Amino acid sequence: DLHAAMRELNTRGAQWVVVSEGDGPTTVTGSEGTYRFTPAKINVVNPIGCGDCLAAGIACALTDGSDALDAIRFGMAAAADNATRLEPALLNRDRVTELVERIKVDRM
C-alpha cells in the first residue's frame, strides 16, 4: 500500500516523503509520524504547474527557516494559488500566506 511504500522510503533515508493527490489530501511521512494535509478550498482555473509550485514553495519556506511541516503547508498554499490563475507560476506571496492558514494538518 501507499503508506507502507512511503515508510519504506523513510527507512532508506528520506527525511520526509510527500505525496499529493491533486485537490485531495496530501500525505506526509517522516520520523515524527504520518500526517494528512487537507488543502484549502479554491476555485480551480488551471492546475498546470501545481506540483512544481508545491515543490518550489516547500523549498522556499525551508530556505526561509520554516520547519518541514510548515514548509509543506506553504508549498500546498503555493500550489493552490497557482491553480486559481490562468498562467502557471505567477504567484502572489500575500495570497499564498493567506491560503496557508486554510490548510488543515492532522497527525494520523
N, C-alpha and C. Protein backbone atom coordinates (compact mmCIF):
# COMPACT_ATOMS: atom_id res chain seq x y z
N ASP A 1 0.83 -1.19 0.00
CA ASP A 1 0.00 0.00 0.00
C ASP A 1 0.88 1.25 0.00
N LEU A 2 0.26 2.39 -0.27
CA LEU A 2 0.99 3.65 -0.40
C LEU A 2 1.72 4.02 0.89
N HIS A 3 1.04 3.91 2.01
CA HIS A 3 1.65 4.29 3.28
C HIS A 3 2.89 3.44 3.56
N ALA A 4 2.82 2.15 3.30
CA ALA A 4 3.97 1.27 3.52
C ALA A 4 5.13 1.66 2.60
N ALA A 5 4.82 2.01 1.37
CA ALA A 5 5.87 2.43 0.43
C ALA A 5 6.52 3.74 0.89
N MET A 6 5.72 4.64 1.41
CA MET A 6 6.25 5.90 1.92
C MET A 6 7.17 5.65 3.12
N ARG A 7 6.75 4.81 4.03
CA ARG A 7 7.55 4.50 5.21
C ARG A 7 8.86 3.80 4.80
N GLU A 8 8.79 2.98 3.77
CA GLU A 8 9.99 2.31 3.26
C GLU A 8 11.01 3.35 2.77
N LEU A 9 10.52 4.38 2.09
CA LEU A 9 11.42 5.45 1.65
C LEU A 9 12.05 6.15 2.85
N ASN A 10 11.28 6.33 3.93
CA ASN A 10 11.83 6.92 5.14
C ASN A 10 12.93 6.04 5.73
N THR A 11 12.71 4.72 5.74
CA THR A 11 13.72 3.83 6.31
C THR A 11 14.98 3.81 5.46
N ARG A 12 14.86 4.15 4.19
CA ARG A 12 16.02 4.18 3.29
C ARG A 12 16.73 5.54 3.30
N GLY A 13 16.25 6.46 4.14
CA GLY A 13 16.96 7.72 4.30
C GLY A 13 16.21 8.99 3.99
N ALA A 14 15.04 8.90 3.37
CA ALA A 14 14.27 10.13 3.09
C ALA A 14 13.74 10.69 4.41
N GLN A 15 14.08 11.94 4.71
CA GLN A 15 13.60 12.53 5.95
C GLN A 15 12.09 12.70 5.92
N TRP A 16 11.57 13.15 4.81
CA TRP A 16 10.13 13.35 4.63
C TRP A 16 9.74 12.83 3.25
N VAL A 17 8.57 12.21 3.18
CA VAL A 17 8.01 11.78 1.90
C VAL A 17 6.66 12.47 1.77
N VAL A 18 6.44 13.16 0.66
CA VAL A 18 5.23 13.94 0.44
C VAL A 18 4.54 13.41 -0.81
N VAL A 19 3.28 12.98 -0.67
CA VAL A 19 2.51 12.50 -1.81
C VAL A 19 1.23 13.31 -1.88
N SER A 20 1.10 14.10 -2.94
CA SER A 20 -0.12 14.90 -3.12
C SER A 20 -1.08 14.16 -4.04
N GLU A 21 -2.35 14.50 -3.88
CA GLU A 21 -3.40 13.89 -4.70
C GLU A 21 -4.24 14.98 -5.35
N GLY A 22 -3.56 15.89 -6.04
CA GLY A 22 -4.29 16.98 -6.70
C GLY A 22 -5.04 17.82 -5.69
N ASP A 23 -6.34 17.93 -5.87
CA ASP A 23 -7.13 18.73 -4.93
C ASP A 23 -7.56 17.93 -3.70
N GLY A 24 -7.10 16.69 -3.61
CA GLY A 24 -7.36 15.87 -2.43
C GLY A 24 -6.29 16.06 -1.39
N PRO A 25 -6.33 15.26 -0.34
CA PRO A 25 -5.35 15.41 0.74
C PRO A 25 -3.93 15.05 0.29
N THR A 26 -2.97 15.62 1.00
CA THR A 26 -1.57 15.30 0.81
C THR A 26 -1.13 14.49 2.02
N THR A 27 -0.48 13.36 1.79
CA THR A 27 0.01 12.52 2.88
C THR A 27 1.50 12.72 3.01
N VAL A 28 1.95 12.82 4.27
CA VAL A 28 3.35 13.08 4.56
C VAL A 28 3.81 12.10 5.63
N THR A 29 4.96 11.47 5.40
CA THR A 29 5.56 10.60 6.42
C THR A 29 6.97 11.10 6.73
N GLY A 30 7.35 10.93 7.98
CA GLY A 30 8.68 11.30 8.43
C GLY A 30 8.95 10.66 9.77
N SER A 31 10.08 10.96 10.35
CA SER A 31 10.45 10.35 11.63
C SER A 31 9.47 10.74 12.74
N GLU A 32 8.79 11.87 12.58
CA GLU A 32 7.84 12.34 13.59
C GLU A 32 6.48 11.68 13.45
N GLY A 33 6.24 10.97 12.35
CA GLY A 33 4.96 10.30 12.16
C GLY A 33 4.39 10.52 10.78
N THR A 34 3.09 10.28 10.68
CA THR A 34 2.36 10.43 9.42
C THR A 34 1.33 11.53 9.59
N TYR A 35 1.21 12.36 8.57
CA TYR A 35 0.29 13.50 8.62
C TYR A 35 -0.56 13.53 7.36
N ARG A 36 -1.77 14.06 7.54
CA ARG A 36 -2.65 14.30 6.39
C ARG A 36 -2.92 15.80 6.35
N PHE A 37 -2.61 16.41 5.20
CA PHE A 37 -2.84 17.82 4.97
C PHE A 37 -4.07 17.95 4.07
N THR A 38 -5.06 18.69 4.52
CA THR A 38 -6.26 18.92 3.72
C THR A 38 -6.13 20.29 3.07
N PRO A 39 -6.16 20.34 1.74
CA PRO A 39 -5.92 21.61 1.05
C PRO A 39 -7.06 22.61 1.26
N ALA A 40 -6.75 23.88 1.02
CA ALA A 40 -7.75 24.93 1.06
C ALA A 40 -8.73 24.73 -0.10
N LYS A 41 -9.98 25.05 0.14
CA LYS A 41 -10.97 25.02 -0.94
C LYS A 41 -10.78 26.25 -1.81
N ILE A 42 -10.64 26.02 -3.10
CA ILE A 42 -10.41 27.10 -4.04
C ILE A 42 -11.22 26.87 -5.31
N ASN A 43 -11.30 27.89 -6.14
CA ASN A 43 -11.90 27.77 -7.46
C ASN A 43 -10.78 27.50 -8.46
N VAL A 44 -10.68 26.27 -8.93
CA VAL A 44 -9.59 25.88 -9.83
C VAL A 44 -9.83 26.46 -11.22
N VAL A 45 -8.82 27.17 -11.72
CA VAL A 45 -8.84 27.73 -13.06
C VAL A 45 -7.93 26.92 -13.98
N ASN A 46 -6.71 26.61 -13.49
CA ASN A 46 -5.73 25.88 -14.30
C ASN A 46 -4.77 25.14 -13.38
N PRO A 47 -4.78 23.82 -13.36
CA PRO A 47 -3.90 23.07 -12.46
C PRO A 47 -2.47 22.87 -12.98
N ILE A 48 -2.18 23.34 -14.19
CA ILE A 48 -0.83 23.13 -14.74
C ILE A 48 0.20 23.83 -13.86
N GLY A 49 1.23 23.08 -13.48
CA GLY A 49 2.32 23.64 -12.68
C GLY A 49 2.12 23.56 -11.18
N CYS A 50 1.02 22.98 -10.74
CA CYS A 50 0.77 22.92 -9.29
C CYS A 50 1.81 22.08 -8.55
N GLY A 51 2.21 20.97 -9.13
CA GLY A 51 3.23 20.15 -8.49
C GLY A 51 4.56 20.88 -8.40
N ASP A 52 4.90 21.62 -9.43
CA ASP A 52 6.13 22.42 -9.41
C ASP A 52 6.04 23.51 -8.35
N CYS A 53 4.89 24.15 -8.24
CA CYS A 53 4.71 25.20 -7.22
C CYS A 53 4.73 24.61 -5.82
N LEU A 54 4.20 23.40 -5.66
CA LEU A 54 4.28 22.73 -4.36
C LEU A 54 5.74 22.53 -3.97
N ALA A 55 6.52 21.97 -4.87
CA ALA A 55 7.94 21.72 -4.58
C ALA A 55 8.71 23.03 -4.35
N ALA A 56 8.45 24.02 -5.18
CA ALA A 56 9.14 25.31 -5.03
C ALA A 56 8.75 26.00 -3.73
N GLY A 57 7.47 25.92 -3.37
CA GLY A 57 7.02 26.53 -2.13
C GLY A 57 7.66 25.87 -0.92
N ILE A 58 7.77 24.55 -0.94
CA ILE A 58 8.43 23.84 0.16
C ILE A 58 9.89 24.29 0.25
N ALA A 59 10.58 24.32 -0.88
CA ALA A 59 11.99 24.72 -0.90
C ALA A 59 12.16 26.16 -0.40
N CYS A 60 11.29 27.05 -0.84
CA CYS A 60 11.36 28.45 -0.44
C CYS A 60 11.18 28.58 1.07
N ALA A 61 10.18 27.91 1.62
CA ALA A 61 9.92 28.00 3.06
C ALA A 61 11.04 27.38 3.88
N LEU A 62 11.59 26.27 3.42
CA LEU A 62 12.72 25.67 4.13
C LEU A 62 13.92 26.61 4.12
N THR A 63 14.17 27.25 2.98
CA THR A 63 15.27 28.20 2.87
C THR A 63 15.08 29.38 3.81
N ASP A 64 13.82 29.77 4.02
CA ASP A 64 13.50 30.88 4.91
C ASP A 64 13.50 30.47 6.38
N GLY A 65 13.75 29.16 6.67
CA GLY A 65 13.86 28.71 8.05
C GLY A 65 12.65 28.01 8.63
N SER A 66 11.63 27.76 7.84
CA SER A 66 10.45 27.06 8.35
C SER A 66 10.78 25.61 8.65
N ASP A 67 10.06 25.01 9.59
CA ASP A 67 10.22 23.57 9.80
C ASP A 67 9.50 22.84 8.67
N ALA A 68 9.72 21.55 8.57
CA ALA A 68 9.22 20.78 7.42
C ALA A 68 7.71 20.84 7.28
N LEU A 69 6.98 20.69 8.37
CA LEU A 69 5.51 20.68 8.27
C LEU A 69 4.97 22.03 7.84
N ASP A 70 5.53 23.12 8.37
CA ASP A 70 5.10 24.45 7.92
C ASP A 70 5.49 24.69 6.47
N ALA A 71 6.65 24.18 6.07
CA ALA A 71 7.09 24.33 4.69
C ALA A 71 6.15 23.60 3.73
N ILE A 72 5.67 22.44 4.14
CA ILE A 72 4.73 21.70 3.29
C ILE A 72 3.42 22.47 3.17
N ARG A 73 2.95 23.05 4.26
CA ARG A 73 1.74 23.88 4.20
C ARG A 73 1.95 25.04 3.23
N PHE A 74 3.14 25.68 3.29
CA PHE A 74 3.42 26.80 2.40
C PHE A 74 3.44 26.32 0.95
N GLY A 75 4.05 25.17 0.70
CA GLY A 75 4.07 24.62 -0.65
C GLY A 75 2.68 24.31 -1.16
N MET A 76 1.84 23.76 -0.30
CA MET A 76 0.46 23.48 -0.71
C MET A 76 -0.29 24.77 -1.01
N ALA A 77 -0.03 25.81 -0.22
CA ALA A 77 -0.67 27.10 -0.47
C ALA A 77 -0.19 27.69 -1.80
N ALA A 78 1.08 27.53 -2.11
CA ALA A 78 1.61 28.00 -3.39
C ALA A 78 0.93 27.25 -4.54
N ALA A 79 0.76 25.95 -4.38
CA ALA A 79 0.08 25.16 -5.42
C ALA A 79 -1.37 25.60 -5.57
N ALA A 80 -2.03 25.89 -4.45
CA ALA A 80 -3.42 26.35 -4.51
C ALA A 80 -3.53 27.69 -5.20
N ASP A 81 -2.63 28.62 -4.86
CA ASP A 81 -2.65 29.93 -5.52
C ASP A 81 -2.42 29.76 -7.02
N ASN A 82 -1.49 28.89 -7.38
CA ASN A 82 -1.23 28.62 -8.79
C ASN A 82 -2.49 28.14 -9.51
N ALA A 83 -3.23 27.25 -8.88
CA ALA A 83 -4.42 26.66 -9.51
C ALA A 83 -5.52 27.69 -9.76
N THR A 84 -5.49 28.81 -9.04
CA THR A 84 -6.53 29.82 -9.22
C THR A 84 -6.23 30.79 -10.36
N ARG A 85 -5.10 30.58 -11.02
CA ARG A 85 -4.65 31.52 -12.06
C ARG A 85 -4.57 30.83 -13.42
N LEU A 86 -4.83 31.59 -14.46
CA LEU A 86 -4.76 31.04 -15.81
C LEU A 86 -3.31 30.72 -16.21
N GLU A 87 -2.39 31.64 -15.92
CA GLU A 87 -0.99 31.44 -16.28
C GLU A 87 -0.25 30.79 -15.12
N PRO A 88 0.47 29.69 -15.38
CA PRO A 88 1.15 28.97 -14.29
C PRO A 88 2.28 29.77 -13.64
N ALA A 89 2.41 29.56 -12.34
CA ALA A 89 3.55 30.03 -11.53
C ALA A 89 3.67 31.54 -11.41
N LEU A 90 2.59 32.26 -11.58
CA LEU A 90 2.59 33.71 -11.33
C LEU A 90 1.91 33.94 -9.98
N LEU A 91 2.62 33.61 -8.91
CA LEU A 91 2.04 33.59 -7.58
C LEU A 91 2.08 34.95 -6.91
N ASN A 92 1.19 35.10 -5.92
CA ASN A 92 1.14 36.30 -5.10
C ASN A 92 1.46 35.88 -3.67
N ARG A 93 2.58 36.36 -3.13
CA ARG A 93 3.04 35.92 -1.80
C ARG A 93 2.00 36.19 -0.71
N ASP A 94 1.31 37.33 -0.77
CA ASP A 94 0.28 37.63 0.23
C ASP A 94 -0.85 36.61 0.15
N ARG A 95 -1.25 36.26 -1.05
CA ARG A 95 -2.32 35.26 -1.24
C ARG A 95 -1.85 33.90 -0.75
N VAL A 96 -0.62 33.52 -1.03
CA VAL A 96 -0.08 32.24 -0.56
C VAL A 96 -0.10 32.21 0.96
N THR A 97 0.35 33.30 1.59
CA THR A 97 0.36 33.38 3.05
C THR A 97 -1.05 33.25 3.62
N GLU A 98 -2.02 33.86 2.96
CA GLU A 98 -3.42 33.74 3.39
C GLU A 98 -3.91 32.29 3.27
N LEU A 99 -3.56 31.63 2.18
CA LEU A 99 -4.01 30.25 1.96
C LEU A 99 -3.39 29.27 2.94
N VAL A 100 -2.17 29.56 3.43
CA VAL A 100 -1.52 28.68 4.42
C VAL A 100 -2.45 28.43 5.59
N GLU A 101 -3.11 29.47 6.06
CA GLU A 101 -3.98 29.37 7.24
C GLU A 101 -5.21 28.49 6.99
N ARG A 102 -5.54 28.24 5.74
CA ARG A 102 -6.72 27.44 5.40
C ARG A 102 -6.40 25.97 5.16
N ILE A 103 -5.15 25.58 5.34
CA ILE A 103 -4.75 24.19 5.15
C ILE A 103 -4.73 23.49 6.50
N LYS A 104 -5.51 22.44 6.61
CA LYS A 104 -5.64 21.69 7.85
C LYS A 104 -4.62 20.57 7.89
N VAL A 105 -3.97 20.38 9.06
CA VAL A 105 -3.00 19.33 9.24
C VAL A 105 -3.44 18.43 10.39
N ASP A 106 -3.52 17.13 10.12
CA ASP A 106 -3.89 16.15 11.13
C ASP A 106 -2.81 15.09 11.23
N ARG A 107 -2.42 14.77 12.46
CA ARG A 107 -1.50 13.65 12.66
C ARG A 107 -2.31 12.38 12.63
N MET A 108 -1.81 11.40 11.91
CA MET A 108 -2.56 10.13 11.77
C MET A 108 -1.99 9.10 12.73
